Structure formats: structure tokens, C-alpha cells
Amino acid sequence: WNCDWLALHDLHVVLFSTGLAKPWNMVLLLYSLLSSQSSLVMSQQALHWLWDIVTGFSKPWLMSKEPLEAKSLESLRAWLRKFVSNDIFTWQDLTDEALYQGVASTNSQVHRQRKERVVKVALWLILVHEFGAQEEVQPSRIAACVKAAATAGHKLKQLWAVPLLFLAAPLRHGCLEMMTPGGWNGVVLLRSATEEPQFTSGGLSPVTFTQWSMDASWLHSQRGEMRSSSAGKPSRWVQLDARFDPASGTYLGTWVEETLEQPLDVLVFSLNRCDANFKSLVCRTTSSEAYSELFGLAGGLADGQMMLRCFYLTKPREAADAAWM
């Protein structure tokens, strides 16, 4: 890793040139490529660099200076620009002052698109790392994502990979109780953070929905039960309603929880169909049974705190499938 942020952008362009359009397909492809080279787990330096990009702490596209080893890729970038896509530029191209600073409005749009591509690929690579890391996401990173989710509002769909990141380790180390045959069973990761210190608290709670309706336009649950992971604490009811958003291929709506005075914004989605479900992927196992899986992210400000809920729900797969990422 030489901090060549332009390589992240180029990777996004090349992946899209293959005809893959869904984010999860991109993640699976990167997973396959890196696992074949035993490169799933990245160095801490590389991981910190990617996290800084995703959380907005670092914005390398604002720097015109090329990384030390970038010149070794200039001939490859020239070839890709000629035969793959005009969206790929060499570092020499970026020294053109008018192009780099975005004097024209068309160039400004190019810069925004370039930034979005870099952030997306950085997030995908972090997710691939989590599959092979066998470790929990660092608390400081969780705190940053809690804050991002709490203030995202209608932009919550941009954080779709967050529940996958946070739930990979718990699903790897734990097992799900199929409490209600025919219903949706799963877990909810609870996180909250105060405004000032970067402190997070919460736990992992089992959740069950016995009544659930979902079609191409709406998702609606009756009240489900979220049980406390701590002995002696009572369970609480939760409920969600969401409408399908064709632009993102996800459901967007509200998450209501018994102990919260205000509802949280919620994003719900399922991954595109593949041979291995998410749980078997993170556990490196194969499953003979077919399951439908749903993932969700709820975030917002409630009771003076930044709240985040990441949830994973599963049930035996039925003939009708949901929308796929």
C-alpha cells in the first residue's frame, strides 16, 4: 500500500467495466481476488488509511502531489484510459491545473464523482478485510460510524456496509436461535455515543419478528421482541416500516423502539443471491440449507444521544425473494 488514492478510483472504474453494477458483487469479486493471493488481512497502516478516507478524516483527492511509487502505474493507467475508460487519468494528466482544480463546472462534477468512487472502494476493501481479520471493529471506528449514522438522515443509504462490518465478528463467534419457526430471527447490535467523548456503549441482543410483510413497495413489521443479552433485564418491543427506494435498491423508513422517545431512520436491504450466505461467508463454512437474509441500519439522535442499531435477520428461504443489493 503506497497511499495511491487514484488506484482506488481506477479499481472502481475497472470493476464497473466488467458489467457488475451491485455493490455486493464488487465486494465478492474483491474478496475472491484478494483471498486467492492470501491478502485478505491488510496491514494496520493500510487499514488506518482506508478508515480515514471513509470517515472523512483524510481527503487525499485534494492533494496534487503524487505518491512515491505512483509512477510505476503510469503506463498501466495510460493503457486503461485507451482501452477501458476515459474516466481513468494518469498522474501526469492531473497536473493540468485546469483539470485538477475543477475550474469548469463539468470538471467539478468529475471531482465529486472521483471522490465518491474512492470512498466506496475504500469501504469495500475494509469489509473484505473484516472477513479475514477474525477481530472486532475498533471502538474508535464504531464511534465515528455511530456519529455518521446519527446525522445521516436521508443519506443513510450511503452507509449500507456498516451493519456488515459490525456484525461480521458477532456472527462469526455466535449462533442464532431460531426462536420462531417461519418468522424472522436475528440479532441487533446496540450502540450509543454522547456528543462530547468518543465513547460507545451497548450490546448484542436477540430479536424476533413473528409478523412481517414485504413486497416490491413496502416493508412492514408488527411489533417484534428484542431480548436483552443481560440476565434480569426485560425485553422490549421494536417495529419498523420502510418504503422501497428504487434508486438505491433498499428500503428506507423508521425504526421504533419501546425505550426510545423518537423513531430512528432505518435502512433495510438484502444481498444479491449467491451460493454462500453472509454468515457462512464470514465463518468460512458451507451451508446445505437456503436462507433469506436481511440487514438493517437504524440511526439518529434520541434522548440526547447518537444512536445506532445494526441488525441481521434470517429465515428459511421462500420462493419470493426481496430486493437485492
Protein backbone atom coordinates (compact mmCIF):
# COMPACT_ATOMS: atom_id res chain seq x y z
CA TRP A 1 0.00 0.00 0.00
CA ASN A 2 1.57 3.29 -1.11
CA CYS A 3 -1.40 5.62 -0.44
CA ASP A 4 -2.10 5.94 -4.16
CA TRP A 5 -5.73 7.01 -3.78
CA LEU A 6 -6.11 7.22 -7.55
CA ALA A 7 -5.67 3.44 -7.64
CA LEU A 8 -8.90 3.10 -5.64
CA HIS A 9 -10.69 5.23 -8.21
CA ASP A 10 -9.25 3.22 -11.10
CA LEU A 11 -10.29 -0.03 -9.44
CA HIS A 12 -13.88 1.21 -9.25
CA VAL A 13 -13.87 2.12 -12.95
CA VAL A 14 -12.38 -1.23 -13.98
CA LEU A 15 -14.86 -3.21 -11.86
CA PHE A 16 -17.81 -1.37 -13.41
CA SER A 17 -16.42 -2.03 -16.89
CA THR A 18 -17.00 -5.75 -16.24
CA GLY A 19 -20.75 -5.14 -16.14
CA LEU A 20 -21.09 -5.55 -12.39
CA ALA A 21 -23.46 -2.93 -11.03
CA LYS A 22 -24.34 -4.04 -7.50
CA PRO A 23 -22.08 -3.11 -4.56
CA TRP A 24 -22.18 -6.60 -3.08
CA ASN A 25 -20.99 -8.08 -6.38
CA MET A 26 -18.00 -5.75 -6.17
CA VAL A 27 -17.24 -6.88 -2.62
CA LEU A 28 -17.45 -10.55 -3.58
CA LEU A 29 -15.14 -10.01 -6.55
CA LEU A 30 -12.56 -8.20 -4.40
CA TYR A 31 -12.90 -10.94 -1.80
CA SER A 32 -12.18 -13.60 -4.43
CA LEU A 33 -9.22 -11.73 -5.90
CA LEU A 34 -7.58 -10.99 -2.55
CA SER A 35 -8.25 -14.39 -0.97
CA SER A 36 -6.52 -16.08 -3.91
CA GLN A 37 -3.41 -14.08 -3.04
CA SER A 38 -3.72 -14.57 0.74
CA SER A 39 -4.16 -10.79 1.05
CA LEU A 40 -7.48 -10.60 2.87
CA VAL A 41 -5.95 -9.15 6.02
CA MET A 42 -4.25 -5.80 5.45
CA SER A 43 -1.58 -4.08 7.46
CA GLN A 44 -2.68 -1.66 10.19
CA GLN A 45 -1.18 1.21 8.21
CA ALA A 46 -3.26 0.37 5.15
CA LEU A 47 -6.37 -0.15 7.24
CA HIS A 48 -5.98 3.18 9.05
CA TRP A 49 -5.55 4.93 5.70
CA LEU A 50 -8.75 3.39 4.33
CA TRP A 51 -10.70 4.20 7.51
CA ASP A 52 -9.51 7.81 7.39
CA ILE A 53 -10.89 8.07 3.85
CA VAL A 54 -14.25 6.50 4.73
CA THR A 55 -14.79 8.65 7.85
CA GLY A 56 -13.74 11.84 6.04
CA PHE A 57 -10.66 12.45 8.19
CA SER A 58 -8.45 12.21 5.11
CA LYS A 59 -9.27 13.68 1.69
CA PRO A 60 -6.32 12.69 -0.49
CA TRP A 61 -8.02 13.79 -3.73
CA LEU A 62 -7.44 17.41 -2.61
CA MET A 63 -3.68 16.88 -2.84
CA SER A 64 -1.99 17.23 -6.21
CA LYS A 65 1.26 15.55 -5.17
CA GLU A 66 1.58 12.01 -6.44
CA PRO A 67 2.63 9.17 -4.11
CA LEU A 68 6.23 7.97 -4.28
CA GLU A 69 5.52 4.74 -6.17
CA ALA A 70 2.72 6.03 -8.40
CA LYS A 71 4.97 6.39 -11.43
CA SER A 72 5.19 2.61 -11.73
CA LEU A 73 1.49 2.53 -12.66
CA GLU A 74 1.52 5.38 -15.20
CA SER A 75 1.92 3.11 -18.24
CA LEU A 76 -0.88 0.84 -16.98
CA ARG A 77 -3.15 3.84 -16.41
CA ALA A 78 -2.42 5.11 -19.93
CA TRP A 79 -3.36 1.70 -21.34
CA LEU A 80 -6.57 1.55 -19.25
CA ARG A 81 -7.56 5.03 -20.41
CA LYS A 82 -7.07 3.99 -24.03
CA PHE A 83 -8.77 0.60 -23.94
CA VAL A 84 -11.10 0.58 -20.90
CA SER A 85 -12.43 4.01 -19.92
CA ASN A 86 -11.82 7.71 -20.44
CA ASP A 87 -12.58 8.18 -16.74
CA ILE A 88 -9.08 6.96 -15.92
CA PHE A 89 -6.31 9.57 -15.78
CA THR A 90 -2.59 9.37 -15.19
CA TRP A 91 -0.93 11.49 -12.53
CA GLN A 92 0.57 13.48 -15.36
CA ASP A 93 -2.92 14.28 -16.57
CA LEU A 94 -3.82 15.56 -13.11
CA THR A 95 -1.03 18.11 -13.18
CA ASP A 96 -3.06 20.04 -15.70
CA GLU A 97 -4.13 22.91 -13.43
CA ALA A 98 -7.50 23.49 -15.08
CA LEU A 99 -8.45 19.82 -14.85
CA TYR A 100 -7.25 19.27 -11.28
CA GLN A 101 -8.80 22.34 -9.67
CA GLY A 102 -12.11 21.92 -11.46
CA VAL A 103 -12.38 25.40 -12.93
CA ALA A 104 -15.23 24.38 -15.21
CA SER A 105 -18.48 23.02 -13.82
CA THR A 106 -18.02 19.82 -15.79
CA ASN A 107 -14.71 19.26 -14.06
CA SER A 108 -16.29 19.92 -10.66
CA GLN A 109 -18.69 17.07 -11.36
CA VAL A 110 -15.74 14.88 -12.31
CA HIS A 111 -14.08 15.61 -8.98
CA ARG A 112 -17.22 14.76 -7.00
CA GLN A 113 -17.59 11.51 -8.89
CA ARG A 114 -13.93 10.69 -8.33
CA LYS A 115 -14.31 11.26 -4.57
CA GLU A 116 -17.40 9.03 -4.39
CA ARG A 117 -15.60 6.22 -6.19
CA VAL A 118 -12.58 6.39 -3.90
CA VAL A 119 -14.71 6.31 -0.72
CA LYS A 120 -16.80 3.38 -2.00
CA VAL A 121 -13.80 1.21 -2.86
CA ALA A 122 -12.14 2.06 0.47
CA LEU A 123 -15.27 0.84 2.27
CA TRP A 124 -15.42 -2.35 0.19
CA LEU A 125 -11.79 -3.14 1.00
CA ILE A 126 -12.39 -2.60 4.73
CA LEU A 127 -15.31 -5.01 4.51
CA VAL A 128 -13.17 -7.62 2.73
CA HIS A 129 -10.54 -7.20 5.43
CA GLU A 130 -13.16 -7.85 8.11
CA PHE A 131 -14.00 -11.21 6.51
CA GLY A 132 -10.48 -12.43 7.16
CA ALA A 133 -9.45 -10.41 10.21
CA GLN A 134 -11.08 -12.58 12.91
CA GLU A 135 -11.31 -9.49 15.11
CA GLU A 136 -13.79 -6.89 16.31
CA VAL A 137 -14.06 -3.47 14.71
CA GLN A 138 -12.14 -0.98 16.84
CA PRO A 139 -14.29 1.08 19.26
CA SER A 140 -12.98 4.37 17.85
CA ARG A 141 -14.18 3.35 14.38
CA ILE A 142 -17.56 2.36 15.79
CA ALA A 143 -17.87 5.77 17.45
CA ALA A 144 -17.18 7.51 14.13
CA CYS A 145 -19.83 5.42 12.37
CA VAL A 146 -22.34 5.99 15.19
CA LYS A 147 -21.94 9.71 14.65
CA ALA A 148 -22.19 9.35 10.87
CA ALA A 149 -25.36 7.24 11.11
CA ALA A 150 -26.96 9.54 13.68
CA THR A 151 -26.58 12.57 11.43
CA ALA A 152 -27.08 10.91 8.03
CA GLY A 153 -30.84 11.40 7.67
CA HIS A 154 -31.85 10.64 4.08
CA LYS A 155 -28.21 9.81 3.28
CA LEU A 156 -28.35 6.72 5.48
CA LYS A 157 -28.29 4.51 2.37
CA GLN A 158 -24.68 5.54 1.75
CA LEU A 159 -23.71 3.62 4.91
CA TRP A 160 -25.14 0.27 3.81
CA ALA A 161 -21.90 -1.64 4.56
CA VAL A 162 -21.84 -0.55 8.23
CA PRO A 163 -24.05 -3.41 9.54
CA LEU A 164 -21.96 -5.91 7.58
CA LEU A 165 -18.81 -4.53 9.20
CA PHE A 166 -20.13 -4.54 12.75
CA LEU A 167 -21.98 -7.87 12.58
CA ALA A 168 -19.28 -9.97 10.93
CA ALA A 169 -17.41 -10.75 14.17
CA PRO A 170 -20.54 -11.44 16.33
CA LEU A 171 -21.96 -13.77 13.68
CA ARG A 172 -18.59 -15.49 13.37
CA HIS A 173 -18.37 -16.21 17.11
CA GLY A 174 -22.02 -16.79 17.98
CA CYS A 175 -25.03 -18.75 16.88
CA LEU A 176 -28.56 -17.63 16.12
CA GLU A 177 -31.53 -19.02 17.96
CA MET A 178 -34.38 -19.90 15.61
CA MET A 179 -36.96 -18.96 18.25
CA THR A 180 -39.90 -18.65 15.87
CA PRO A 181 -40.16 -21.15 13.01
CA GLY A 182 -41.40 -19.31 9.94
CA GLY A 183 -40.60 -15.91 11.40
CA TRP A 184 -37.54 -13.69 11.12
CA ASN A 185 -34.90 -14.31 13.79
CA GLY A 186 -31.64 -12.50 14.30
CA VAL A 187 -29.55 -10.12 16.34
CA VAL A 188 -29.35 -6.37 16.91
CA LEU A 189 -26.12 -4.59 17.74
CA LEU A 190 -26.92 -1.63 20.01
CA ARG A 191 -24.60 1.36 20.11
CA SER A 192 -24.93 4.85 21.55
CA ALA A 193 -22.49 7.72 21.89
CA THR A 194 -22.60 11.02 23.71
CA GLU A 195 -21.87 14.25 21.86
CA GLU A 196 -18.55 15.00 23.56
CA PRO A 197 -16.39 11.96 24.40
CA GLN A 198 -15.83 9.27 21.77
CA PHE A 199 -17.49 6.67 23.95
CA THR A 200 -19.79 3.91 22.77
CA SER A 201 -21.93 1.57 24.79
CA GLY A 202 -24.39 -1.18 24.07
CA GLY A 203 -24.50 -4.89 23.35
CA LEU A 204 -25.84 -7.64 21.12
CA SER A 205 -29.49 -8.60 21.60
CA PRO A 206 -31.53 -11.41 20.01
CA VAL A 207 -34.60 -10.22 18.10
CA THR A 208 -37.64 -12.00 16.65
CA PHE A 209 -40.41 -10.83 14.32
CA THR A 210 -43.37 -13.19 14.03
CA GLN A 211 -45.43 -10.99 11.69
CA TRP A 212 -43.68 -9.46 8.72
CA SER A 213 -44.95 -8.32 5.31
CA MET A 214 -42.69 -7.30 2.46
CA ASP A 215 -43.35 -6.63 -1.20
CA ALA A 216 -41.86 -4.59 -4.03
CA SER A 217 -43.05 -1.31 -2.48
CA TRP A 218 -43.28 -1.63 1.29
CA LEU A 219 -41.84 -3.43 4.28
CA HIS A 220 -43.90 -3.56 7.48
CA SER A 221 -43.49 -5.49 10.69
CA GLN A 222 -45.80 -5.97 13.60
CA ARG A 223 -44.14 -5.48 16.96
CA GLY A 224 -41.17 -7.79 17.36
CA GLU A 225 -39.37 -8.75 20.55
CA MET A 226 -35.80 -7.66 21.31
CA ARG A 227 -34.45 -9.62 24.26
CA SER A 228 -31.69 -8.33 26.49
CA SER A 229 -28.38 -10.16 26.49
CA SER A 230 -28.04 -9.36 30.23
CA ALA A 231 -29.78 -11.55 32.76
CA GLY A 232 -32.63 -9.90 34.62
CA LYS A 233 -33.28 -7.11 32.10
CA PRO A 234 -36.73 -7.10 30.46
CA SER A 235 -37.27 -7.47 26.73
CA ARG A 236 -38.65 -4.58 24.69
CA TRP A 237 -40.72 -4.33 21.56
CA VAL A 238 -39.43 -2.96 18.25
CA GLN A 239 -41.18 -2.20 14.99
CA LEU A 240 -40.17 -0.93 11.58
CA ASP A 241 -41.84 0.46 8.48
CA ALA A 242 -40.00 1.27 5.27
CA ARG A 243 -40.69 2.08 1.66
CA PHE A 244 -38.66 0.74 -1.26
CA ASP A 245 -36.28 3.24 -2.82
CA PRO A 246 -35.66 2.24 -6.48
CA ALA A 247 -32.59 4.47 -6.78
CA SER A 248 -30.65 2.58 -4.09
CA GLY A 249 -32.43 -0.77 -4.20
CA THR A 250 -33.10 -0.55 -0.44
CA TYR A 251 -35.98 0.11 1.91
CA LEU A 252 -35.94 3.43 3.79
CA GLY A 253 -38.18 4.26 6.72
CA THR A 254 -38.34 4.33 10.53
CA TRP A 255 -37.29 2.06 13.39
CA VAL A 256 -39.42 2.41 16.55
CA GLU A 257 -38.18 1.05 19.87
CA GLU A 258 -40.05 0.84 23.16
CA THR A 259 -37.49 2.73 25.23
CA LEU A 260 -36.74 5.49 22.71
CA GLU A 261 -38.93 8.58 22.65
CA GLN A 262 -38.23 9.25 18.97
CA PRO A 263 -38.02 6.84 16.00
CA LEU A 264 -34.72 6.32 14.20
CA ASP A 265 -34.20 6.48 10.45
CA VAL A 266 -33.76 2.96 9.10
CA LEU A 267 -32.24 1.33 6.03
CA VAL A 268 -33.13 -2.30 5.21
CA PHE A 269 -31.66 -4.42 2.42
CA SER A 270 -30.72 -7.94 1.39
CA LEU A 271 -27.67 -9.04 -0.52
CA ASN A 272 -27.84 -10.32 -4.07
CA ARG A 273 -28.25 -14.05 -4.40
CA CYS A 274 -25.04 -16.07 -4.10
CA ASP A 275 -24.11 -19.65 -3.24
CA ALA A 276 -22.94 -18.71 0.23
CA ASN A 277 -24.97 -16.59 2.59
CA PHE A 278 -23.29 -13.84 4.59
CA LYS A 279 -22.98 -15.84 7.80
CA SER A 280 -21.33 -18.79 6.05
CA LEU A 281 -19.02 -16.36 4.26
CA VAL A 282 -17.70 -14.73 7.43
CA CYS A 283 -17.48 -18.10 9.18
CA ARG A 284 -15.71 -19.72 6.20
CA THR A 285 -18.25 -22.56 6.18
CA THR A 286 -20.75 -24.01 3.74
CA SER A 287 -24.44 -24.46 4.41
CA SER A 288 -26.73 -27.09 2.93
CA GLU A 289 -29.81 -25.02 3.76
CA ALA A 290 -31.02 -21.97 1.85
CA TYR A 291 -31.77 -18.90 3.96
CA SER A 292 -33.04 -15.44 3.19
CA GLU A 293 -31.11 -12.71 4.96
CA LEU A 294 -31.98 -9.12 5.75
CA PHE A 295 -29.64 -6.43 7.06
CA GLY A 296 -30.55 -3.11 8.58
CA LEU A 297 -29.05 0.08 9.90
CA ALA A 298 -31.02 2.48 12.09
CA GLY A 299 -29.50 5.73 13.25
CA GLY A 300 -30.44 9.10 14.67
CA LEU A 301 -30.46 11.36 17.69
CA ALA A 302 -32.63 10.16 20.56
CA ASP A 303 -32.70 11.08 24.25
CA GLY A 304 -29.76 13.42 23.72
CA GLN A 305 -27.52 10.67 22.38
CA MET A 306 -26.39 9.43 18.99
CA MET A 307 -27.98 6.04 18.46
CA LEU A 308 -27.12 3.23 16.10
CA ARG A 309 -28.80 -0.12 15.57
CA CYS A 310 -27.30 -2.74 13.24
CA PHE A 311 -29.44 -5.82 12.73
CA TYR A 312 -29.29 -9.14 10.93
CA LEU A 313 -32.42 -11.23 10.31
CA THR A 314 -32.75 -14.64 8.70
CA LYS A 315 -35.37 -17.26 7.89
CA PRO A 316 -35.58 -20.30 5.60
CA ARG A 317 -35.70 -19.04 2.04
CA GLU A 318 -39.08 -18.90 0.39
CA ALA A 319 -39.98 -18.75 -3.28
CA ALA A 320 -40.36 -14.96 -3.17
CA ASP A 321 -37.10 -13.06 -2.66
CA ALA A 322 -36.58 -9.49 -1.53
CA ALA A 323 -34.68 -6.71 -3.24
CA TRP A 324 -31.01 -7.48 -3.63
CA MET A 325 -28.02 -5.21 -3.22
